[in-house]
PDB file of all heavy atoms in Angstrom:
ATOM      1  N   LEU A   1       9.076  25.574   4.056  1.00  0.00           N
ATOM      2  CA  LEU A   1       8.722  24.090   4.036  1.00  0.00           C
ATOM      3  C   LEU A   1       9.801  23.296   4.834  1.00  0.00           C
ATOM      4  O   LEU A   1      10.155  22.217   4.506  1.00  0.00           O
ATOM      5  CB  LEU A   1       8.597  23.614   2.632  1.00  0.00           C
ATOM      6  CG  LEU A   1       7.529  24.148   1.743  1.00  0.00           C
ATOM      7  CD1 LEU A   1       7.462  23.675   0.411  1.00  0.00           C
ATOM      8  CD2 LEU A   1       6.174  23.894   2.434  1.00  0.00           C
ATOM      9  N   TYR A   2      10.171  23.879   5.912  1.00  0.00           N
ATOM     10  CA  TYR A   2      10.994  23.183   6.921  1.00  0.00           C
ATOM     11  C   TYR A   2      10.281  21.821   7.306  1.00  0.00           C
ATOM     12  O   TYR A   2       9.094  21.880   7.579  1.00  0.00           O
ATOM     13  CB  TYR A   2      11.344  24.038   8.107  1.00  0.00           C
ATOM     14  CG  TYR A   2      11.760  23.352   9.339  1.00  0.00           C
ATOM     15  CD1 TYR A   2      12.964  22.503   9.302  1.00  0.00           C
ATOM     16  CD2 TYR A   2      11.121  23.355  10.510  1.00  0.00           C
ATOM     17  CE1 TYR A   2      13.351  21.814  10.493  1.00  0.00           C
ATOM     18  CE2 TYR A   2      11.404  22.700  11.699  1.00  0.00           C
ATOM     19  CZ  TYR A   2      12.581  21.893  11.656  1.00  0.00           C
ATOM     20  OH  TYR A   2      13.017  21.242  12.750  1.00  0.00           O
ATOM     21  N   GLY A   3      11.023  20.718   7.491  1.00  0.00           N
ATOM     22  CA  GLY A   3      10.426  19.540   7.857  1.00  0.00           C
ATOM     23  C   GLY A   3       9.784  18.761   6.688  1.00  0.00           C
ATOM     24  O   GLY A   3       9.327  17.630   6.988  1.00  0.00           O
ATOM     25  N   HIS A   4       9.766  19.263   5.581  1.00  0.00           N
ATOM     26  CA  HIS A   4       9.171  18.662   4.361  1.00  0.00           C
ATOM     27  C   HIS A   4      10.016  17.907   3.467  1.00  0.00           C
ATOM     28  O   HIS A   4      11.199  18.155   3.615  1.00  0.00           O
ATOM     29  CB  HIS A   4       8.344  19.668   3.593  1.00  0.00           C
ATOM     30  CG  HIS A   4       7.122  20.208   4.208  1.00  0.00           C
ATOM     31  ND1 HIS A   4       7.131  20.920   5.374  1.00  0.00           N
ATOM     32  CD2 HIS A   4       5.721  20.138   3.917  1.00  0.00           C
ATOM     33  CE1 HIS A   4       5.941  21.210   5.726  1.00  0.00           C
ATOM     34  NE2 HIS A   4       5.060  20.791   4.756  1.00  0.00           N
ATOM     35  N   TRP A   5       9.559  17.062   2.573  1.00  0.00           N
ATOM     36  CA  TRP A   5      10.294  16.354   1.528  1.00  0.00           C
ATOM     37  C   TRP A   5       9.980  16.981   0.220  1.00  0.00           C
ATOM     38  O   TRP A   5       8.931  17.441   0.040  1.00  0.00           O
ATOM     39  CB  TRP A   5      10.021  14.962   1.571  1.00  0.00           C
ATOM     40  CG  TRP A   5      10.786  14.073   2.557  1.00  0.00           C
ATOM     41  CD1 TRP A   5      11.870  13.318   2.308  1.00  0.00           C
ATOM     42  CD2 TRP A   5      10.414  13.830   4.011  1.00  0.00           C
ATOM     43  NE1 TRP A   5      12.307  12.753   3.501  1.00  0.00           N
ATOM     44  CE2 TRP A   5      11.478  13.071   4.533  1.00  0.00           C
ATOM     45  CE3 TRP A   5       9.413  14.487   4.826  1.00  0.00           C
ATOM     46  CZ2 TRP A   5      11.499  12.701   5.912  1.00  0.00           C
ATOM     47  CZ3 TRP A   5       9.495  14.176   6.126  1.00  0.00           C
ATOM     48  CH2 TRP A   5      10.399  13.225   6.596  1.00  0.00           C
ATOM     49  N   PRO A   6      10.894  16.749  -0.774  1.00  0.00           N
ATOM     50  CA  PRO A   6      10.479  17.047  -2.134  1.00  0.00           C
ATOM     51  C   PRO A   6       9.415  16.057  -2.539  1.00  0.00           C
ATOM     52  O   PRO A   6       9.353  14.890  -1.972  1.00  0.00           O
ATOM     53  CB  PRO A   6      11.697  16.940  -2.986  1.00  0.00           C
ATOM     54  CG  PRO A   6      12.598  16.065  -2.106  1.00  0.00           C
ATOM     55  CD  PRO A   6      12.252  16.272  -0.734  1.00  0.00           C
ATOM     56  N   LEU A   7       8.724  16.292  -3.642  1.00  0.00           N
ATOM     57  CA  LEU A   7       7.742  15.263  -4.267  1.00  0.00           C
ATOM     58  C   LEU A   7       8.479  14.578  -5.451  1.00  0.00           C
ATOM     59  O   LEU A   7       8.837  13.443  -5.342  1.00  0.00           O
ATOM     60  CB  LEU A   7       6.466  15.963  -4.588  1.00  0.00           C
ATOM     61  CG  LEU A   7       5.419  15.028  -5.254  1.00  0.00           C
ATOM     62  CD1 LEU A   7       4.996  13.960  -4.229  1.00  0.00           C
ATOM     63  CD2 LEU A   7       4.155  15.866  -5.629  1.00  0.00           C
ATOM     64  N   GLY A   8       8.524  15.357  -6.484  1.00  0.00           N
ATOM     65  CA  GLY A   8       9.318  14.846  -7.751  1.00  0.00           C
ATOM     66  C   GLY A   8      10.789  14.989  -7.514  1.00  0.00           C
ATOM     67  O   GLY A   8      11.189  16.134  -6.958  1.00  0.00           O
ATOM     68  N   LEU A   9      11.563  14.076  -7.925  1.00  0.00           N
ATOM     69  CA  LEU A   9      12.998  14.065  -7.546  1.00  0.00           C
ATOM     70  C   LEU A   9      13.923  14.249  -8.761  1.00  0.00           C
ATOM     71  O   LEU A   9      15.172  14.383  -8.632  1.00  0.00           O
ATOM     72  CB  LEU A   9      13.435  12.776  -6.912  1.00  0.00           C
ATOM     73  CG  LEU A   9      12.576  12.364  -5.627  1.00  0.00           C
ATOM     74  CD1 LEU A   9      13.097  11.128  -5.048  1.00  0.00           C
ATOM     75  CD2 LEU A   9      12.694  13.505  -4.524  1.00  0.00           C
ATOM     76  N   HIS A  10      13.365  14.306  -9.960  1.00  0.00           N
ATOM     77  CA  HIS A  10      14.180  14.416 -11.105  1.00  0.00           C
ATOM     78  C   HIS A  10      14.763  15.761 -11.382  1.00  0.00           C
ATOM     79  O   HIS A  10      14.062  16.762 -11.099  1.00  0.00           O
ATOM     80  CB  HIS A  10      13.295  14.105 -12.333  1.00  0.00           C
ATOM     81  CG  HIS A  10      14.017  14.062 -13.605  1.00  0.00           C
ATOM     82  ND1 HIS A  10      14.951  12.980 -14.086  1.00  0.00           N
ATOM     83  CD2 HIS A  10      14.139  14.962 -14.635  1.00  0.00           C
ATOM     84  CE1 HIS A  10      15.373  13.218 -15.235  1.00  0.00           C
ATOM     85  NE2 HIS A  10      14.856  14.367 -15.632  1.00  0.00           N
ATOM     86  N   PRO A  11      15.988  15.895 -11.750  1.00  0.00           N
ATOM     87  CA  PRO A  11      16.960  14.871 -12.121  1.00  0.00           C
ATOM     88  C   PRO A  11      17.871  14.496 -10.967  1.00  0.00           C
ATOM     89  O   PRO A  11      18.400  13.429 -10.899  1.00  0.00           O
ATOM     90  CB  PRO A  11      17.748  15.508 -13.336  1.00  0.00           C
ATOM     91  CG  PRO A  11      17.771  17.048 -12.963  1.00  0.00           C
ATOM     92  CD  PRO A  11      16.393  17.296 -12.326  1.00  0.00           C
ATOM     93  N   LEU A  12      17.965  15.429  -9.951  1.00  0.00           N
ATOM     94  CA  LEU A  12      18.919  15.233  -8.788  1.00  0.00           C
ATOM     95  C   LEU A  12      18.117  15.329  -7.628  1.00  0.00           C
ATOM     96  O   LEU A  12      17.749  16.433  -7.186  1.00  0.00           O
ATOM     97  CB  LEU A  12      20.111  16.232  -8.825  1.00  0.00           C
ATOM     98  CG  LEU A  12      20.969  16.172 -10.042  1.00  0.00           C
ATOM     99  CD1 LEU A  12      21.974  17.330 -10.086  1.00  0.00           C
ATOM    100  CD2 LEU A  12      21.696  14.869 -10.153  1.00  0.00           C
ATOM    101  N   PRO A  13      17.799  14.161  -6.906  1.00  0.00           N
ATOM    102  CA  PRO A  13      16.945  14.168  -5.731  1.00  0.00           C
ATOM    103  C   PRO A  13      17.372  15.160  -4.683  1.00  0.00           C
ATOM    104  O   PRO A  13      16.624  15.788  -4.067  1.00  0.00           O
ATOM    105  CB  PRO A  13      16.978  12.783  -5.246  1.00  0.00           C
ATOM    106  CG  PRO A  13      17.205  12.003  -6.576  1.00  0.00           C
ATOM    107  CD  PRO A  13      18.113  12.763  -7.334  1.00  0.00           C
ATOM    108  N   ARG A  14      18.741  15.177  -4.408  1.00  0.00           N
ATOM    109  CA  ARG A  14      19.247  15.963  -3.331  1.00  0.00           C
ATOM    110  C   ARG A  14      19.166  17.591  -3.662  1.00  0.00           C
ATOM    111  O   ARG A  14      19.372  18.385  -2.653  1.00  0.00           O
ATOM    112  CB  ARG A  14      20.638  15.592  -2.976  1.00  0.00           C
ATOM    113  CG  ARG A  14      20.744  14.169  -2.382  1.00  0.00           C
ATOM    114  CD  ARG A  14      22.156  13.922  -1.738  1.00  0.00           C
ATOM    115  NE  ARG A  14      22.212  12.619  -1.230  1.00  0.00           N
ATOM    116  CZ  ARG A  14      23.168  12.127  -0.532  1.00  0.00           C
ATOM    117  NH1 ARG A  14      24.223  12.892  -0.225  1.00  0.00           N
ATOM    118  NH2 ARG A  14      23.119  10.879   0.025  1.00  0.00           N
ATOM    119  N   GLU A  15      18.829  17.871  -4.827  1.00  0.00           N
ATOM    120  CA  GLU A  15      18.649  19.200  -5.219  1.00  0.00           C
ATOM    121  C   GLU A  15      17.199  19.682  -5.368  1.00  0.00           C
ATOM    122  O   GLU A  15      16.848  20.747  -5.659  1.00  0.00           O
ATOM    123  CB  GLU A  15      19.470  19.550  -6.421  1.00  0.00           C
ATOM    124  CG  GLU A  15      20.953  19.439  -6.273  1.00  0.00           C
ATOM    125  CD  GLU A  15      21.744  19.780  -7.585  1.00  0.00           C
ATOM    126  OE1 GLU A  15      21.037  20.313  -8.541  1.00  0.00           O
ATOM    127  OE2 GLU A  15      22.971  19.549  -7.667  1.00  0.00           O
ATOM    128  N   ALA A  16      16.236  18.678  -5.290  1.00  0.00           N
ATOM    129  CA  ALA A  16      14.926  18.916  -5.445  1.00  0.00           C
ATOM    130  C   ALA A  16      14.298  19.680  -4.309  1.00  0.00           C
ATOM    131  O   ALA A  16      14.609  19.634  -3.130  1.00  0.00           O
ATOM    132  CB  ALA A  16      14.213  17.536  -5.479  1.00  0.00           C
ATOM    133  N   ALA A  17      13.504  20.693  -4.699  1.00  0.00           N
ATOM    134  CA  ALA A  17      12.825  21.602  -3.742  1.00  0.00           C
ATOM    135  C   ALA A  17      11.801  20.846  -2.865  1.00  0.00           C
ATOM    136  O   ALA A  17      11.012  19.939  -3.430  1.00  0.00           O
ATOM    137  CB  ALA A  17      12.173  22.792  -4.374  1.00  0.00           C
ATOM    138  N   PRO A  18      11.619  21.213  -1.611  1.00  0.00           N
ATOM    139  CA  PRO A  18      10.552  20.600  -0.814  1.00  0.00           C
ATOM    140  C   PRO A  18       9.222  20.903  -1.291  1.00  0.00           C
ATOM    141  O   PRO A  18       8.957  21.966  -1.953  1.00  0.00           O
ATOM    142  CB  PRO A  18      10.879  21.185   0.590  1.00  0.00           C
ATOM    143  CG  PRO A  18      11.631  22.365   0.431  1.00  0.00           C
ATOM    144  CD  PRO A  18      12.449  22.140  -0.864  1.00  0.00           C
ATOM    145  N   HIS A  19       8.259  20.021  -1.011  1.00  0.00           N
ATOM    146  CA  HIS A  19       6.841  20.090  -1.556  1.00  0.00           C
ATOM    147  C   HIS A  19       5.932  19.941  -0.283  1.00  0.00           C
ATOM    148  O   HIS A  19       6.267  19.188   0.718  1.00  0.00           O
ATOM    149  CB  HIS A  19       6.700  19.035  -2.563  1.00  0.00           C
ATOM    150  CG  HIS A  19       5.467  19.266  -3.386  1.00  0.00           C
ATOM    151  ND1 HIS A  19       4.213  18.854  -2.923  1.00  0.00           N
ATOM    152  CD2 HIS A  19       5.259  19.843  -4.603  1.00  0.00           C
ATOM    153  CE1 HIS A  19       3.269  19.212  -3.823  1.00  0.00           C
ATOM    154  NE2 HIS A  19       3.920  19.688  -4.874  1.00  0.00           N
ATOM    155  N   GLU A  20       4.768  20.558  -0.471  1.00  0.00           N
ATOM    156  CA  GLU A  20       3.781  20.424   0.727  1.00  0.00           C
ATOM    157  C   GLU A  20       3.254  18.991   0.914  1.00  0.00           C
ATOM    158  O   GLU A  20       2.829  18.682   2.109  1.00  0.00           O
ATOM    159  CB  GLU A  20       2.570  21.304   0.418  1.00  0.00           C
ATOM    160  CG  GLU A  20       2.915  22.828   0.425  1.00  0.00           C
ATOM    161  CD  GLU A  20       3.315  23.406  -0.921  1.00  0.00           C
ATOM    162  OE1 GLU A  20       3.609  22.493  -1.773  1.00  0.00           O
ATOM    163  OE2 GLU A  20       3.354  24.606  -1.130  1.00  0.00           O
ATOM    164  N   LEU A  21       3.139  18.179  -0.170  1.00  0.00           N
ATOM    165  CA  LEU A  21       2.327  16.986  -0.010  1.00  0.00           C
ATOM    166  C   LEU A  21       2.967  15.787   0.778  1.00  0.00           C
ATOM    167  O   LEU A  21       2.236  15.089   1.513  1.00  0.00           O
ATOM    168  CB  LEU A  21       1.841  16.559  -1.380  1.00  0.00           C
ATOM    169  CG  LEU A  21       0.939  17.529  -2.145  1.00  0.00           C
ATOM    170  CD1 LEU A  21       0.486  16.895  -3.444  1.00  0.00           C
ATOM    171  CD2 LEU A  21      -0.340  17.708  -1.273  1.00  0.00           C
ATOM    172  N   PRO A  22       4.115  15.376   0.422  1.00  0.00           N
ATOM    173  CA  PRO A  22       4.639  14.084   0.915  1.00  0.00           C
ATOM    174  C   PRO A  22       4.488  13.841   2.379  1.00  0.00           C
ATOM    175  O   PRO A  22       4.108  12.708   2.928  1.00  0.00           O
ATOM    176  CB  PRO A  22       6.094  13.950   0.401  1.00  0.00           C
ATOM    177  CG  PRO A  22       6.102  14.833  -0.720  1.00  0.00           C
ATOM    178  CD  PRO A  22       5.232  15.981  -0.438  1.00  0.00           C
ATOM    179  N   VAL A  23       4.835  14.846   3.221  1.00  0.00           N
ATOM    180  CA  VAL A  23       4.837  14.649   4.647  1.00  0.00           C
ATOM    181  C   VAL A  23       3.471  14.426   5.215  1.00  0.00           C
ATOM    182  O   VAL A  23       3.303  13.863   6.336  1.00  0.00           O
ATOM    183  CB  VAL A  23       5.505  15.902   5.368  1.00  0.00           C
ATOM    184  CG1 VAL A  23       4.648  17.088   5.362  1.00  0.00           C
ATOM    185  CG2 VAL A  23       5.872  15.473   6.802  1.00  0.00           C
ATOM    186  N   GLU A  24       2.387  14.928   4.452  1.00  0.00           N
ATOM    187  CA  GLU A  24       1.054  14.745   5.051  1.00  0.00           C
ATOM    188  C   GLU A  24       0.681  13.387   5.454  1.00  0.00           C
ATOM    189  O   GLU A  24       0.164  13.120   6.522  1.00  0.00           O
ATOM    190  CB  GLU A  24      -0.010  15.295   4.056  1.00  0.00           C
ATOM    191  CG  GLU A  24      -0.084  16.744   3.753  1.00  0.00           C
ATOM    192  CD  GLU A  24      -1.114  17.004   2.769  1.00  0.00           C
ATOM    193  OE1 GLU A  24      -1.792  16.218   2.236  1.00  0.00           O
ATOM    194  OE2 GLU A  24      -1.329  18.264   2.578  1.00  0.00           O
ATOM    195  N   ILE A  25       1.081  12.372   4.585  1.00  0.00           N
ATOM    196  CA  ILE A  25       0.685  11.034   4.927  1.00  0.00           C
ATOM    197  C   ILE A  25       2.026  10.247   5.268  1.00  0.00           C
ATOM    198  O   ILE A  25       1.992   9.417   6.270  1.00  0.00           O
ATOM    199  CB  ILE A  25       0.075  10.255   3.736  1.00  0.00           C
ATOM    200  CG1 ILE A  25      -0.395   8.866   4.051  1.00  0.00           C
ATOM    201  CG2 ILE A  25       0.909  10.233   2.483  1.00  0.00           C
ATOM    202  CD1 ILE A  25      -1.625   8.799   4.970  1.00  0.00           C
ATOM    203  N   MET A  26       3.165  10.636   4.750  1.00  0.00           N
ATOM    204  CA  MET A  26       4.405   9.835   4.990  1.00  0.00           C
ATOM    205  C   MET A  26       4.844  10.061   6.436  1.00  0.00           C
ATOM    206  O   MET A  26       5.448   9.179   7.059  1.00  0.00           O
ATOM    207  CB  MET A  26       5.436  10.175   4.001  1.00  0.00           C
ATOM    208  CG  MET A  26       6.612   9.303   3.967  1.00  0.00           C
ATOM    209  SD  MET A  26       7.683   9.535   2.452  1.00  0.00           S
ATOM    210  CE  MET A  26       8.502  11.111   2.914  1.00  0.00           C
ATOM    211  N   GLY A  27       4.648  11.278   6.992  1.00  0.00           N
ATOM    212  CA  GLY A  27       5.099  11.614   8.253  1.00  0.00           C
ATOM    213  C   GLY A  27       4.461  10.757   9.298  1.00  0.00           C
ATOM    214  O   GLY A  27       5.174  10.158  10.183  1.00  0.00           O
ATOM    215  N   SER A  28       3.124  10.528   9.154  1.00  0.00           N
ATOM    216  CA  SER A  28       2.391   9.679  10.239  1.00  0.00           C
ATOM    217  C   SER A  28       2.902   8.259   9.971  1.00  0.00           C
ATOM    218  O   SER A  28       3.013   7.533  11.020  1.00  0.00           O
ATOM    219  CB  SER A  28       0.931   9.858  10.085  1.00  0.00           C
ATOM    220  OG  SER A  28       0.504  11.079  10.379  1.00  0.00           O
ATOM    221  N   LEU A  29       3.030   7.805   8.787  1.00  0.00           N
ATOM    222  CA  LEU A  29       3.368   6.446   8.478  1.00  0.00           C
ATOM    223  C   LEU A  29       4.789   6.095   8.991  1.00  0.00           C
ATOM    224  O   LEU A  29       5.087   5.029   9.485  1.00  0.00           O
ATOM    225  CB  LEU A  29       3.320   6.132   6.970  1.00  0.00           C
ATOM    226  CG  LEU A  29       1.961   6.313   6.321  1.00  0.00           C
ATOM    227  CD1 LEU A  29       1.997   5.857   4.867  1.00  0.00           C
ATOM    228  CD2 LEU A  29       0.894   5.416   7.085  1.00  0.00           C
TER     229      LEU A  29
END
């Protein structure tokens, strides 16, 4: 999931694993 963002960030956002969904819409926006 290179180039992706995590979705849920709890409890530590910088340790959250990347997820398939956010970049789908957020990348274009």
